[in-house]
Amino acid sequence: MDRYTPADILALKLVPGAGNVSLRLILTCLRQQKSRLRSLLGKPLPELLPLFPCGQERLAELIHACDARMRKRAVSLLQTLEKHAIIPILSGTPAYPAALETHLGKNAPLLFFAKGNLALLYQEAIGIVGTRMPSQKGTRITQECARMFAEHGIPIVSGGARGVDTFAHEAALEAGGDTLIVLPQGILTYSPSSRYTAALSDGKLLLISEFSPDAEWQTHAAVTRNATISALARMILVIEPHSVNGSLRTARHALEQGKSVFYHGLGTAAQPLARHPNTVPLSPVNSQILLSTFHQPGASFPNQSCLF
């Protein structure tokens, strides 16, 4: 029997300072002690401290801080999610995409939330990210690439921000393709456009968030989701990254994961990206090279298509 549920993990995620690494350490220690998380939430510290090794007292403090109020809030949030057809996906269950733990390891979210076509989670996708204020050429390249991949049945994954992200999502949908938006905020605080709402109804879009469902946009969340975008993508295209910003971080995560990165219009701070052996200039756009690189053997992307 499972020793924790989505409600248990969500309640613990609501505790300030309880990140993915801490949550996984807690579960590892409790597994070794054959203890059940739910029975320990909110317990007095003297009861919790013996369960954790010396130097890990902070883990006991997080469990202690998860009081009845937070557990009640977690249950209420899950009920609201159900009303909005939003699915909680828990690590260790068949629905959890193996690509996240393969590429993110201990930083992979223990719990995230999804709305839309879940089958898109298990397809090999192309990540397209970049500046919020692209040039006309950058916009054209973004749209051209997104349409090309969409026409070949390859979903586009990005972060939903204005600029390159939005141009990529919308171009994919206009071409009859599919797209995934990895949100930098809670899934309940995100208001999709009418175009995205229609795409959700048509099974062409998946929204994903690894943050508390009622969390507002925060800088740290935007940084965290960059790694998730790269983990869900087989390859990354980065358009006009002018500083050490989100899109450049996404490209760096992809390179760390052994994936290819195509780039256009590097700013001064992004110039070192061009010296990496796994990066390729994107201009001019060559669909044959892009598709062959996408399909060539490389970074592992686990096959879970049998789930849907």
Protein backbone atom coordinates (compact mmCIF):
# COMPACT_ATOMS: atom_id res chain seq x y z
CA MET A 1 0.00 0.00 0.00
CA ASP A 2 1.22 3.54 -0.78
CA ARG A 3 2.64 5.35 2.22
CA TYR A 4 1.54 8.78 0.96
CA THR A 5 -1.21 10.33 -1.16
CA PRO A 6 -1.53 13.52 -3.25
CA ALA A 7 -3.19 15.17 -0.25
CA ASP A 8 -0.24 14.27 2.00
CA ILE A 9 2.35 15.61 -0.43
CA LEU A 10 0.38 18.74 -1.26
CA ALA A 11 -0.06 19.53 2.45
CA LEU A 12 3.70 19.19 2.94
CA LYS A 13 4.42 21.30 -0.16
CA LEU A 14 2.40 24.11 1.45
CA VAL A 15 4.97 24.37 4.26
CA PRO A 16 7.46 27.18 3.54
CA GLY A 17 10.84 25.72 2.63
CA ALA A 18 9.53 22.31 1.57
CA GLY A 19 11.05 21.91 -1.89
CA ASN A 20 11.44 18.87 -4.11
CA VAL A 21 14.79 17.82 -2.66
CA SER A 22 13.56 18.09 0.93
CA LEU A 23 10.37 16.18 0.14
CA ARG A 24 12.28 13.33 -1.46
CA LEU A 25 14.69 13.16 1.48
CA ILE A 26 11.74 12.97 3.88
CA LEU A 27 10.18 10.08 1.97
CA THR A 28 13.50 8.25 1.74
CA CYS A 29 14.01 8.47 5.51
CA LEU A 30 10.43 7.41 6.26
CA ARG A 31 10.69 4.50 3.84
CA GLN A 32 13.76 3.28 5.69
CA GLN A 33 11.88 3.60 8.98
CA LYS A 34 8.77 1.94 7.45
CA SER A 35 6.76 4.91 8.64
CA ARG A 36 3.67 6.40 6.99
CA LEU A 37 3.81 10.11 6.18
CA ARG A 38 0.13 10.81 6.87
CA SER A 39 0.35 9.54 10.44
CA LEU A 40 3.28 11.87 11.18
CA LEU A 41 2.10 15.20 9.74
CA GLY A 42 1.92 17.83 12.47
CA LYS A 43 3.30 15.55 15.19
CA PRO A 44 5.45 17.05 18.01
CA LEU A 45 9.13 17.40 17.20
CA PRO A 46 10.30 15.01 19.94
CA GLU A 47 8.35 12.23 18.20
CA LEU A 48 9.74 13.09 14.77
CA LEU A 49 13.43 13.74 15.41
CA PRO A 50 14.38 10.06 16.05
CA LEU A 51 13.16 9.20 12.54
CA PHE A 52 15.86 11.31 10.87
CA PRO A 53 19.66 11.08 10.97
CA CYS A 54 21.82 13.65 12.68
CA GLY A 55 22.03 16.80 10.56
CA GLN A 56 18.58 16.28 9.03
CA GLU A 57 16.56 17.85 11.83
CA ARG A 58 15.14 20.35 9.35
CA LEU A 59 13.16 17.52 7.72
CA ALA A 60 11.45 16.74 11.02
CA GLU A 61 10.66 20.44 11.43
CA LEU A 62 8.92 20.52 8.03
CA ILE A 63 6.68 17.60 8.97
CA HIS A 64 5.94 19.18 12.34
CA ALA A 65 4.97 22.46 10.63
CA CYS A 66 2.42 20.67 8.44
CA ASP A 67 -0.46 21.26 10.82
CA ALA A 68 -4.19 20.54 10.54
CA ARG A 69 -4.79 23.88 8.83
CA MET A 70 -2.45 23.00 5.98
CA ARG A 71 -3.87 19.50 5.66
CA LYS A 72 -7.38 20.95 5.44
CA ARG A 73 -6.23 23.46 2.82
CA ALA A 74 -4.66 20.67 0.76
CA VAL A 75 -7.89 18.65 0.76
CA SER A 76 -9.88 21.75 -0.22
CA LEU A 77 -7.50 22.52 -3.09
CA LEU A 78 -7.73 18.96 -4.42
CA GLN A 79 -11.51 19.20 -4.36
CA THR A 80 -11.35 22.43 -6.35
CA LEU A 81 -8.96 20.83 -8.83
CA GLU A 82 -11.38 17.96 -9.37
CA LYS A 83 -14.18 20.41 -10.16
CA HIS A 84 -11.97 21.96 -12.85
CA ALA A 85 -10.93 18.60 -14.36
CA ILE A 86 -7.35 19.10 -13.17
CA ILE A 87 -5.47 15.89 -12.42
CA PRO A 88 -2.85 15.51 -9.66
CA ILE A 89 0.03 13.32 -10.84
CA LEU A 90 2.17 11.75 -8.15
CA SER A 91 5.70 10.39 -8.46
CA GLY A 92 5.80 6.62 -8.24
CA THR A 93 2.49 6.12 -10.06
CA PRO A 94 2.13 4.84 -13.66
CA ALA A 95 0.88 8.24 -14.87
CA TYR A 96 4.05 10.05 -13.76
CA PRO A 97 6.24 10.83 -16.82
CA ALA A 98 9.51 8.93 -16.49
CA ALA A 99 11.33 11.71 -18.37
CA LEU A 100 11.07 14.01 -15.34
CA GLU A 101 12.88 11.69 -12.95
CA THR A 102 15.28 10.53 -15.67
CA HIS A 103 16.48 14.08 -16.36
CA LEU A 104 15.78 15.94 -13.11
CA GLY A 105 16.64 13.28 -10.53
CA LYS A 106 16.16 14.51 -6.96
CA ASN A 107 14.87 17.85 -8.30
CA ALA A 108 11.93 16.22 -10.10
CA PRO A 109 8.59 17.32 -8.63
CA LEU A 110 6.96 14.73 -6.37
CA LEU A 111 3.56 16.05 -7.35
CA PHE A 112 2.32 18.17 -10.21
CA PHE A 113 -1.01 19.09 -11.74
CA ALA A 114 -2.22 18.75 -15.31
CA LYS A 115 -5.26 19.83 -17.32
CA GLY A 116 -5.95 18.81 -20.89
CA ASN A 117 -4.66 16.00 -23.08
CA LEU A 118 -2.53 13.88 -20.73
CA ALA A 119 -1.23 11.76 -23.62
CA LEU A 120 1.00 14.71 -24.57
CA LEU A 121 3.07 14.09 -21.43
CA TYR A 122 4.46 10.88 -22.93
CA GLN A 123 5.23 12.05 -26.46
CA GLU A 124 8.62 13.29 -27.56
CA ALA A 125 8.33 17.07 -27.78
CA ILE A 126 10.39 19.97 -29.06
CA GLY A 127 11.06 22.83 -26.65
CA ILE A 128 10.93 26.35 -28.11
CA VAL A 129 11.83 29.20 -25.74
CA GLY A 130 13.19 32.71 -25.98
CA THR A 131 12.86 36.40 -25.35
CA ARG A 132 9.62 38.13 -24.49
CA MET A 133 10.40 40.78 -27.10
CA PRO A 134 11.65 38.99 -30.24
CA SER A 135 12.64 40.81 -33.41
CA GLN A 136 10.61 40.30 -36.58
CA LYS A 137 13.16 37.71 -37.70
CA GLY A 138 13.06 35.97 -34.34
CA THR A 139 9.27 35.84 -34.49
CA ARG A 140 9.34 34.45 -38.04
CA ILE A 141 11.87 31.74 -37.12
CA THR A 142 9.84 30.79 -34.03
CA GLN A 143 6.62 30.45 -35.98
CA GLU A 144 8.26 28.65 -38.90
CA CYS A 145 9.88 26.07 -36.64
CA ALA A 146 6.78 25.54 -34.51
CA ARG A 147 4.61 25.01 -37.59
CA MET A 148 7.12 22.63 -39.14
CA PHE A 149 7.36 20.41 -36.07
CA ALA A 150 3.59 20.53 -35.55
CA GLU A 151 3.01 19.42 -39.14
CA HIS A 152 5.24 16.41 -38.46
CA GLY A 153 3.18 15.45 -35.39
CA ILE A 154 5.71 16.69 -32.81
CA PRO A 155 4.25 18.62 -29.85
CA ILE A 156 5.70 21.97 -28.81
CA VAL A 157 6.55 22.53 -25.14
CA SER A 158 7.21 25.99 -23.74
CA GLY A 159 6.41 28.24 -20.81
CA GLY A 160 3.43 30.28 -21.95
CA ALA A 161 5.17 33.66 -21.53
CA ARG A 162 4.56 36.47 -23.97
CA GLY A 163 6.91 36.69 -26.93
CA VAL A 164 8.62 33.58 -28.25
CA ASP A 165 6.73 31.15 -25.99
CA THR A 166 3.32 32.41 -27.08
CA PHE A 167 4.29 32.62 -30.76
CA ALA A 168 5.45 28.99 -30.61
CA HIS A 169 2.31 27.72 -28.84
CA GLU A 170 -0.04 29.57 -31.18
CA ALA A 171 1.81 28.64 -34.37
CA ALA A 172 1.65 24.97 -33.40
CA LEU A 173 -2.10 25.18 -32.80
CA GLU A 174 -2.67 27.08 -36.05
CA ALA A 175 -0.87 24.27 -37.88
CA GLY A 176 -3.19 21.70 -36.31
CA GLY A 177 -0.53 20.50 -33.86
CA ASP A 178 -0.34 20.01 -30.11
CA THR A 179 1.36 22.02 -27.40
CA LEU A 180 2.23 21.87 -23.70
CA ILE A 181 2.42 24.91 -21.44
CA VAL A 182 4.58 24.51 -18.33
CA LEU A 183 3.31 27.17 -15.94
CA PRO A 184 5.42 29.31 -13.55
CA GLN A 185 2.49 29.57 -11.12
CA GLY A 186 -0.39 27.60 -9.65
CA ILE A 187 -2.70 26.04 -12.19
CA LEU A 188 -5.77 27.61 -10.56
CA THR A 189 -4.35 31.14 -10.85
CA TYR A 190 -3.72 30.81 -14.59
CA SER A 191 -6.39 32.19 -16.93
CA PRO A 192 -6.04 30.67 -20.42
CA SER A 193 -6.91 32.76 -23.46
CA SER A 194 -9.98 31.89 -25.52
CA ARG A 195 -7.67 30.21 -28.05
CA TYR A 196 -6.10 28.04 -25.37
CA THR A 197 -9.50 27.24 -23.87
CA ALA A 198 -10.65 25.98 -27.27
CA ALA A 199 -7.44 23.95 -27.63
CA LEU A 200 -8.05 22.34 -24.25
CA SER A 201 -11.54 21.33 -25.38
CA ASP A 202 -10.15 19.98 -28.65
CA GLY A 203 -7.47 17.87 -26.92
CA LYS A 204 -4.65 19.91 -28.47
CA LEU A 205 -3.22 21.45 -25.28
CA LEU A 206 -1.91 20.34 -21.91
CA LEU A 207 -1.33 22.72 -18.98
CA ILE A 208 1.20 21.64 -16.34
CA SER A 209 2.14 23.16 -12.98
CA GLU A 210 4.36 21.77 -10.23
CA PHE A 211 3.46 24.52 -7.76
CA SER A 212 0.71 24.86 -5.19
CA PRO A 213 -2.52 25.19 -7.21
CA ASP A 214 -3.31 28.63 -5.76
CA ALA A 215 0.22 30.05 -6.04
CA GLU A 216 0.69 33.33 -7.88
CA TRP A 217 3.51 33.91 -10.38
CA GLN A 218 6.91 34.11 -8.68
CA THR A 219 10.44 34.48 -10.05
CA HIS A 220 11.70 31.29 -8.41
CA ALA A 221 8.83 29.36 -10.00
CA ALA A 222 9.73 30.69 -13.44
CA VAL A 223 13.31 29.52 -12.89
CA THR A 224 12.23 26.09 -11.64
CA ARG A 225 9.91 25.39 -14.56
CA ASN A 226 12.75 25.97 -17.06
CA ALA A 227 14.29 22.64 -16.04
CA THR A 228 10.92 20.96 -16.40
CA ILE A 229 10.53 22.28 -19.95
CA SER A 230 13.92 20.90 -20.93
CA ALA A 231 13.17 17.56 -19.25
CA LEU A 232 9.97 17.14 -21.26
CA ALA A 233 11.66 18.10 -24.55
CA ARG A 234 13.91 15.95 -26.69
CA MET A 235 15.60 19.04 -28.14
CA ILE A 236 15.53 22.80 -27.45
CA LEU A 237 15.36 25.81 -29.77
CA VAL A 238 16.28 29.07 -28.05
CA ILE A 239 15.43 32.34 -29.78
CA GLU A 240 17.29 35.59 -29.03
CA PRO A 241 18.35 35.04 -25.41
CA HIS A 242 19.91 38.40 -24.54
CA SER A 243 20.83 37.80 -20.91
CA VAL A 244 21.12 35.08 -18.30
CA ASN A 245 17.36 34.68 -18.35
CA GLY A 246 14.83 31.87 -18.38
CA SER A 247 15.35 30.77 -21.96
CA LEU A 248 19.12 30.59 -21.56
CA ARG A 249 18.69 28.55 -18.37
CA THR A 250 16.41 26.17 -20.25
CA ALA A 251 19.09 25.72 -22.91
CA ARG A 252 21.73 25.05 -20.24
CA HIS A 253 19.51 22.46 -18.57
CA ALA A 254 19.04 20.74 -21.92
CA LEU A 255 22.79 20.59 -22.52
CA GLU A 256 23.31 19.16 -19.03
CA GLN A 257 20.74 16.51 -19.94
CA GLY A 258 22.72 15.58 -23.07
CA LYS A 259 20.31 17.18 -25.53
CA SER A 260 20.92 19.27 -28.63
CA VAL A 261 20.22 23.02 -28.60
CA PHE A 262 19.64 25.16 -31.69
CA TYR A 263 19.96 28.90 -31.22
CA HIS A 264 19.26 32.18 -33.00
CA GLY A 265 20.38 35.68 -32.09
CA LEU A 266 22.54 35.23 -29.01
CA GLY A 267 23.05 38.30 -26.87
CA THR A 268 26.43 39.11 -25.32
CA ALA A 269 25.74 37.18 -22.12
CA ALA A 270 24.60 34.15 -24.14
CA GLN A 271 27.65 33.96 -26.44
CA PRO A 272 29.32 31.10 -24.49
CA LEU A 273 26.38 28.92 -25.56
CA ALA A 274 27.72 28.92 -29.11
CA ARG A 275 30.96 27.25 -28.01
CA HIS A 276 29.26 24.13 -26.67
CA PRO A 277 29.62 21.10 -29.00
CA ASN A 278 25.91 20.29 -28.75
CA THR A 279 24.71 23.69 -29.97
CA VAL A 280 23.90 24.60 -33.58
CA PRO A 281 22.99 27.95 -35.21
CA LEU A 282 19.34 28.04 -36.24
CA SER A 283 19.53 30.63 -38.99
CA PRO A 284 18.78 29.80 -41.73
CA VAL A 285 16.10 27.32 -40.73
CA ASN A 286 16.80 23.89 -42.23
CA SER A 287 13.88 21.58 -41.53
CA GLN A 288 15.79 18.50 -42.66
CA ILE A 289 18.61 19.10 -40.18
CA LEU A 290 16.17 19.95 -37.38
CA LEU A 291 14.10 16.82 -37.90
CA SER A 292 17.08 14.51 -38.33
CA THR A 293 18.68 15.88 -35.14
CA PHE A 294 15.40 15.50 -33.28
CA HIS A 295 15.06 11.87 -34.31
CA GLN A 296 18.69 10.81 -33.96
CA PRO A 297 19.65 8.59 -31.02
CA GLY A 298 20.68 10.68 -28.06
CA ALA A 299 19.30 11.61 -24.68
CA SER A 300 16.93 8.95 -23.40
CA PHE A 301 13.20 9.70 -23.53
CA PRO A 302 11.27 6.85 -21.87
CA ASN A 303 8.35 5.39 -23.83
CA GLN A 304 5.07 5.50 -21.88
CA SER A 305 2.76 5.75 -24.89
CA CYS A 306 1.10 2.48 -23.83
CA LEU A 307 -0.68 4.40 -21.06
CA PHE A 308 -2.98 6.11 -23.56
